[in-house]
């Protein structure tokens, strides 16, 4: 067959994987939280620089993680909407075909 074939099971598999990815991203940000809370062992410049570098790295990670979670959630929402619309139109077409 040539063209697009809608595969509901395939869409559900992708949605399951995306939901797991979203959950994994939440776990990652929880695991990285201590990085943002690093404090140096002393007040000398070396301790401050190393602690500051860790905090900045952790903050960059958190920002990126939020952006990834937002993207994944938006993708899930769009995919669910597309799936539901496709199934609705398919059902409408079947009803119309059966009435004619």
Protein backbone atom coordinates (compact mmCIF):
# COMPACT_ATOMS: atom_id res chain seq x y z
CA UNK A 1 0.00 0.00 0.00
CA UNK A 2 1.26 3.45 -0.86
CA UNK A 3 0.75 6.44 1.41
CA UNK A 4 0.12 7.00 5.07
CA UNK A 5 -1.43 4.29 7.23
CA UNK A 6 -2.54 5.29 10.70
CA UNK A 7 -1.28 2.84 13.30
CA UNK A 8 -3.11 3.34 16.62
CA UNK A 9 -0.90 0.82 18.42
CA UNK A 10 2.21 2.58 17.13
CA UNK A 11 0.92 5.94 18.35
CA UNK A 12 0.18 4.46 21.78
CA UNK A 13 3.72 3.06 21.93
CA UNK A 14 5.17 6.48 21.12
CA UNK A 15 2.93 8.13 23.72
CA UNK A 16 4.02 5.60 26.34
CA UNK A 17 7.69 6.29 25.51
CA UNK A 18 7.17 10.06 25.65
CA UNK A 19 5.39 9.83 29.00
CA UNK A 20 8.28 7.74 30.35
CA UNK A 21 10.76 10.31 29.02
CA UNK A 22 8.83 13.06 30.80
CA UNK A 23 8.94 11.08 34.04
CA UNK A 24 12.67 10.40 33.58
CA UNK A 25 13.28 14.13 33.14
CA UNK A 26 11.49 14.80 36.44
CA UNK A 27 13.70 12.20 38.12
CA UNK A 28 16.82 13.72 36.57
CA UNK A 29 16.07 17.19 37.90
CA UNK A 30 15.46 15.78 41.39
CA UNK A 31 18.77 13.93 41.28
CA UNK A 32 20.62 17.06 40.13
CA UNK A 33 19.19 19.34 42.81
CA UNK A 34 22.20 18.89 45.17
CA UNK A 35 24.45 20.30 42.45
CA UNK A 36 22.68 23.66 42.73
CA UNK A 37 23.12 23.63 46.49
CA UNK A 38 26.91 23.14 46.50
CA UNK A 39 28.85 25.31 48.91
CA UNK A 40 32.61 25.49 49.13
CA UNK A 41 34.42 24.06 52.13
CA UNK A 42 36.16 27.35 52.77
CA UNK A 43 36.12 31.02 51.91
CA UNK A 44 39.26 31.02 49.78
CA UNK A 45 38.93 31.78 46.03
CA UNK A 46 39.49 28.18 44.91
CA UNK A 47 36.59 26.86 46.97
CA UNK A 48 34.32 29.67 45.87
CA UNK A 49 35.20 29.21 42.19
CA UNK A 50 34.61 25.47 42.24
CA UNK A 51 31.35 25.76 44.16
CA UNK A 52 30.17 28.58 41.91
CA UNK A 53 30.99 26.54 38.80
CA UNK A 54 28.96 23.61 40.16
CA UNK A 55 26.01 25.86 40.99
CA UNK A 56 26.08 27.51 37.56
CA UNK A 57 26.26 24.10 35.89
CA UNK A 58 23.34 22.85 37.97
CA UNK A 59 21.28 25.92 37.16
CA UNK A 60 21.99 25.50 33.44
CA UNK A 61 20.95 21.86 33.69
CA UNK A 62 17.73 22.78 35.48
CA UNK A 63 16.87 25.40 32.85
CA UNK A 64 17.51 22.93 30.04
CA UNK A 65 15.52 20.24 31.84
CA UNK A 66 12.50 22.55 32.19
CA UNK A 67 12.69 23.36 28.48
CA UNK A 68 12.88 19.66 27.58
CA UNK A 69 9.95 18.78 29.83
CA UNK A 70 7.89 21.59 28.31
CA UNK A 71 8.71 20.40 24.78
CA UNK A 72 7.90 16.76 25.60
CA UNK A 73 4.60 17.71 27.27
CA UNK A 74 3.61 19.88 24.31
CA UNK A 75 4.51 17.05 21.93
CA UNK A 76 2.40 14.59 23.97
CA UNK A 77 -0.53 17.01 23.96
CA UNK A 78 -0.28 17.56 20.20
CA UNK A 79 0.06 13.85 19.46
CA UNK A 80 -2.96 12.99 21.63
CA UNK A 81 -5.00 15.71 19.91
CA UNK A 82 -3.96 14.46 16.45
CA UNK A 83 -4.76 10.85 17.39
CA UNK A 84 -8.15 11.78 18.81
CA UNK A 85 -9.01 13.90 15.77
CA UNK A 86 -7.97 11.14 13.38
CA UNK A 87 -10.05 8.57 15.25
CA UNK A 88 -13.04 10.94 15.39
CA UNK A 89 -12.89 11.61 11.65
CA UNK A 90 -12.44 7.91 10.92
CA UNK A 91 -15.52 7.10 12.99
CA UNK A 92 -17.51 9.88 11.28
CA UNK A 93 -16.48 8.56 7.86
CA UNK A 94 -17.53 5.01 8.80
CA UNK A 95 -20.90 6.25 10.05
CA UNK A 96 -21.42 8.25 6.88
CA UNK A 97 -20.43 5.29 4.71
CA UNK A 98 -22.84 2.99 6.53
CA UNK A 99 -25.70 5.48 6.07
CA UNK A 100 -25.16 5.74 2.32
